[in-house]
Each structure stands twice: as C-alpha cells, then as structure tokens.
C-alpha cells in the first residue's frame, strides 16, 4: 500500500494511506487530505491510483494539479498535467512537502532492474 507522508523540516508529521482510487488534496474540508495553509488552493491537486497494465497486483499513482494558484511540484519541478509518481518522490503543494512512499513499487523497480541486467 502506498503512503503520503507529510514532512515538516524533513520529519514525518502525518501519514495518509492511499487506499482509494482517487485522493483529493487541498485546503477545503471536503478533501481527503486537508492542508490548513492559505497558500494551498481549496482544491489543489488530485492523486489517482490505477492498476499496472502488465502486473495488476501493482498500482501506479498519478498526481495532477487542479489549477492551483501556487503550483504542484514533484522533486522541485512544477508539473503540468498528470505526473506519474515513483517511490520516494517529494511532492510540494505551495510550501507543503510530502514524500510518496510505495514499497511495492520499489520492489517492482528492483526486479525490473535485475531483469535488465540479465538480458
């Protein structure tokens, strides 16, 4: 299962399990992940999870900015449209940082890396 870990000064202060197909992030209380910060838009971004087309037991996660004022960033690069997330990516919504943690994806990447070496 994937987790979104909220960071303050690189210390985890909250963990959000990503169990639903869609997770909304923003300032409005109707969001799945509510961020109490005026720099965050009321509906800032959406995180979607989908089955991997080759390995259905694995999920792929995509982050999309919802037209926010202060932007959505992955590894300090502002995203336009939808961006696939990878294990240990750092997400920033305005000035709020989150770490995307997906141990299953990390295991799959190791397997693919090992297969590529043997081919």
C-alpha atoms as a PDB file:
ATOM      1  CA  UNK A   1       0.000   0.000   0.000  1.00  0.00           C
ATOM      2  CA  UNK A   2       1.220   3.481  -0.808  1.00  0.00           C
ATOM      3  CA  UNK A   3       1.540   6.259   1.744  1.00  0.00           C
ATOM      4  CA  UNK A   4       1.757  10.027   1.503  1.00  0.00           C
ATOM      5  CA  UNK A   5       3.920  11.262   4.392  1.00  0.00           C
ATOM      6  CA  UNK A   6       3.655  14.954   5.252  1.00  0.00           C
ATOM      7  CA  UNK A   7       7.047  16.446   6.107  1.00  0.00           C
ATOM      8  CA  UNK A   8       7.980  19.424   8.252  1.00  0.00           C
ATOM      9  CA  UNK A   9      11.720  20.111   8.286  1.00  0.00           C
ATOM     10  CA  UNK A  10      12.182  16.616   6.755  1.00  0.00           C
ATOM     11  CA  UNK A  11      10.403  14.962   9.702  1.00  0.00           C
ATOM     12  CA  UNK A  12       7.201  12.964   9.105  1.00  0.00           C
ATOM     13  CA  UNK A  13       4.313  14.652  10.948  1.00  0.00           C
ATOM     14  CA  UNK A  14       1.339  12.857   9.316  1.00  0.00           C
ATOM     15  CA  UNK A  15       0.846   9.742   7.199  1.00  0.00           C
ATOM     16  CA  UNK A  16      -2.026   9.265   4.774  1.00  0.00           C
ATOM     17  CA  UNK A  17      -2.681   5.770   3.418  1.00  0.00           C
ATOM     18  CA  UNK A  18      -3.655   5.867  -0.244  1.00  0.00           C
ATOM     19  CA  UNK A  19      -6.393   3.237  -0.284  1.00  0.00           C
ATOM     20  CA  UNK A  20      -8.953   4.901  -2.563  1.00  0.00           C
ATOM     21  CA  UNK A  21      -8.776   5.170  -6.368  1.00  0.00           C
ATOM     22  CA  UNK A  22      -8.732   8.970  -6.021  1.00  0.00           C
ATOM     23  CA  UNK A  23      -7.359  11.209  -3.266  1.00  0.00           C
ATOM     24  CA  UNK A  24      -8.053  14.946  -3.277  1.00  0.00           C
ATOM     25  CA  UNK A  25      -5.613  17.368  -1.665  1.00  0.00           C
ATOM     26  CA  UNK A  26      -6.347  20.949  -0.700  1.00  0.00           C
ATOM     27  CA  UNK A  27      -7.474  23.454   1.886  1.00  0.00           C
ATOM     28  CA  UNK A  28     -11.238  22.736   1.687  1.00  0.00           C
ATOM     29  CA  UNK A  29     -12.526  20.357   4.402  1.00  0.00           C
ATOM     30  CA  UNK A  30     -14.140  18.093   1.773  1.00  0.00           C
ATOM     31  CA  UNK A  31     -10.704  16.962   0.545  1.00  0.00           C
ATOM     32  CA  UNK A  32      -9.328  13.565   1.501  1.00  0.00           C
ATOM     33  CA  UNK A  33      -6.103  15.253   2.651  1.00  0.00           C
ATOM     34  CA  UNK A  34      -6.832  18.668   4.172  1.00  0.00           C
ATOM     35  CA  UNK A  35      -3.924  21.123   4.313  1.00  0.00           C
ATOM     36  CA  UNK A  36      -4.551  24.080   6.594  1.00  0.00           C
ATOM     37  CA  UNK A  37      -2.455  26.677   4.767  1.00  0.00           C
ATOM     38  CA  UNK A  38      -3.710  29.760   2.916  1.00  0.00           C
ATOM     39  CA  UNK A  39      -1.064  29.210   0.197  1.00  0.00           C
ATOM     40  CA  UNK A  40      -2.795  25.926  -0.724  1.00  0.00           C
ATOM     41  CA  UNK A  41      -5.791  26.168  -3.047  1.00  0.00           C
ATOM     42  CA  UNK A  42      -9.128  24.847  -1.833  1.00  0.00           C
ATOM     43  CA  UNK A  43      -8.888  22.052  -4.428  1.00  0.00           C
ATOM     44  CA  UNK A  44      -5.156  21.956  -5.080  1.00  0.00           C
ATOM     45  CA  UNK A  45      -4.371  18.542  -6.592  1.00  0.00           C
ATOM     46  CA  UNK A  46      -5.645  15.008  -7.122  1.00  0.00           C
ATOM     47  CA  UNK A  47      -3.763  11.761  -6.692  1.00  0.00           C
ATOM     48  CA  UNK A  48      -5.143   8.792  -8.648  1.00  0.00           C
ATOM     49  CA  UNK A  49      -4.211   5.149  -8.393  1.00  0.00           C
ATOM     50  CA  UNK A  50      -4.563   2.675 -11.253  1.00  0.00           C
ATOM     51  CA  UNK A  51      -3.620  -0.930 -11.863  1.00  0.00           C
ATOM     52  CA  UNK A  52      -0.338  -1.517 -13.655  1.00  0.00           C
ATOM     53  CA  UNK A  53      -1.240  -2.794 -17.131  1.00  0.00           C
ATOM     54  CA  UNK A  54       1.387  -5.566 -17.022  1.00  0.00           C
ATOM     55  CA  UNK A  55       1.172  -6.514 -13.336  1.00  0.00           C
ATOM     56  CA  UNK A  56      -2.374  -5.959 -11.998  1.00  0.00           C
ATOM     57  CA  UNK A  57      -1.286  -6.647  -8.406  1.00  0.00           C
ATOM     58  CA  UNK A  58       0.769  -3.440  -8.536  1.00  0.00           C
ATOM     59  CA  UNK A  59      -0.711   0.064  -8.540  1.00  0.00           C
ATOM     60  CA  UNK A  60       0.567   3.129 -10.357  1.00  0.00           C
ATOM     61  CA  UNK A  61      -0.025   6.553  -8.822  1.00  0.00           C
ATOM     62  CA  UNK A  62      -0.525   9.788 -10.744  1.00  0.00           C
ATOM     63  CA  UNK A  63      -0.587  13.336  -9.398  1.00  0.00           C
ATOM     64  CA  UNK A  64      -2.422  16.116 -11.198  1.00  0.00           C
ATOM     65  CA  UNK A  65      -2.593  19.792 -10.343  1.00  0.00           C
ATOM     66  CA  UNK A  66      -6.196  21.033 -10.152  1.00  0.00           C
ATOM     67  CA  UNK A  67      -5.452  24.555 -11.410  1.00  0.00           C
ATOM     68  CA  UNK A  68      -3.881  25.697  -8.150  1.00  0.00           C
ATOM     69  CA  UNK A  69      -2.542  29.217  -7.729  1.00  0.00           C
ATOM     70  CA  UNK A  70       0.829  28.302  -6.208  1.00  0.00           C
ATOM     71  CA  UNK A  71       1.532  25.122  -8.127  1.00  0.00           C
ATOM     72  CA  UNK A  72       2.172  21.453  -7.576  1.00  0.00           C
ATOM     73  CA  UNK A  73       5.744  20.170  -7.725  1.00  0.00           C
ATOM     74  CA  UNK A  74       7.364  16.745  -7.924  1.00  0.00           C
ATOM     75  CA  UNK A  75      11.049  16.703  -6.987  1.00  0.00           C
ATOM     76  CA  UNK A  76      11.113  20.525  -7.260  1.00  0.00           C
ATOM     77  CA  UNK A  77       9.765  20.554 -10.840  1.00  0.00           C
ATOM     78  CA  UNK A  78       6.367  22.168 -11.399  1.00  0.00           C
ATOM     79  CA  UNK A  79       4.041  19.680 -13.041  1.00  0.00           C
ATOM     80  CA  UNK A  80       1.804  20.410 -15.973  1.00  0.00           C
ATOM     81  CA  UNK A  81      -0.975  17.893 -16.439  1.00  0.00           C
ATOM     82  CA  UNK A  82      -0.645  14.463 -14.900  1.00  0.00           C
ATOM     83  CA  UNK A  83       2.653  13.150 -13.493  1.00  0.00           C
ATOM     84  CA  UNK A  84       3.417   9.526 -12.553  1.00  0.00           C
ATOM     85  CA  UNK A  85       4.828   9.172  -9.051  1.00  0.00           C
ATOM     86  CA  UNK A  86       7.646   6.873  -8.018  1.00  0.00           C
ATOM     87  CA  UNK A  87       8.775   5.595  -4.634  1.00  0.00           C
ATOM     88  CA  UNK A  88      10.488   8.374  -2.608  1.00  0.00           C
ATOM     89  CA  UNK A  89       9.307  11.251  -4.825  1.00  0.00           C
ATOM     90  CA  UNK A  90       8.956  14.548  -2.963  1.00  0.00           C
ATOM     91  CA  UNK A  91       5.683  16.362  -3.640  1.00  0.00           C
ATOM     92  CA  UNK A  92       5.230  20.028  -2.819  1.00  0.00           C
ATOM     93  CA  UNK A  93       1.879  21.813  -2.741  1.00  0.00           C
ATOM     94  CA  UNK A  94       2.685  25.512  -2.394  1.00  0.00           C
ATOM     95  CA  UNK A  95       5.192  25.248   0.519  1.00  0.00           C
ATOM     96  CA  UNK A  96       3.924  21.956   1.989  1.00  0.00           C
ATOM     97  CA  UNK A  97       6.083  18.883   1.408  1.00  0.00           C
ATOM     98  CA  UNK A  98       5.050  15.249   1.204  1.00  0.00           C
ATOM     99  CA  UNK A  99       7.033  12.109   0.497  1.00  0.00           C
ATOM    100  CA  UNK A 100       5.421   9.442  -1.667  1.00  0.00           C
ATOM    101  CA  UNK A 101       6.240   6.005  -0.266  1.00  0.00           C
ATOM    102  CA  UNK A 102       5.342   2.845  -2.174  1.00  0.00           C
ATOM    103  CA  UNK A 103       7.396  -0.165  -1.091  1.00  0.00           C
ATOM    104  CA  UNK A 104       5.642  -2.446  -3.611  1.00  0.00           C
ATOM    105  CA  UNK A 105       6.681  -0.173  -6.471  1.00  0.00           C
ATOM    106  CA  UNK A 106      10.226  -0.070  -5.122  1.00  0.00           C
ATOM    107  CA  UNK A 107      10.311  -3.890  -5.120  1.00  0.00           C
ATOM    108  CA  UNK A 108       8.998  -3.993  -8.688  1.00  0.00           C
ATOM    109  CA  UNK A 109      11.620  -1.470  -9.851  1.00  0.00           C
ATOM    110  CA  UNK A 110      14.372  -3.611  -8.293  1.00  0.00           C
ATOM    111  CA  UNK A 111      13.036  -6.672 -10.108  1.00  0.00           C
ATOM    112  CA  UNK A 112      12.927  -4.857 -13.448  1.00  0.00           C
ATOM    113  CA  UNK A 113      16.457  -3.537 -12.869  1.00  0.00           C
ATOM    114  CA  UNK A 114      17.714  -7.061 -12.131  1.00  0.00           C
ATOM    115  CA  UNK A 115      15.955  -8.470 -15.213  1.00  0.00           C
ATOM    116  CA  UNK A 116      17.515  -5.784 -17.426  1.00  0.00           C
ATOM    117  CA  UNK A 117      20.979  -6.718 -16.170  1.00  0.00           C
ATOM    118  CA  UNK A 118      20.491 -10.386 -17.068  1.00  0.00           C
ATOM    119  CA  UNK A 119      19.173  -9.699 -20.568  1.00  0.00           C
END
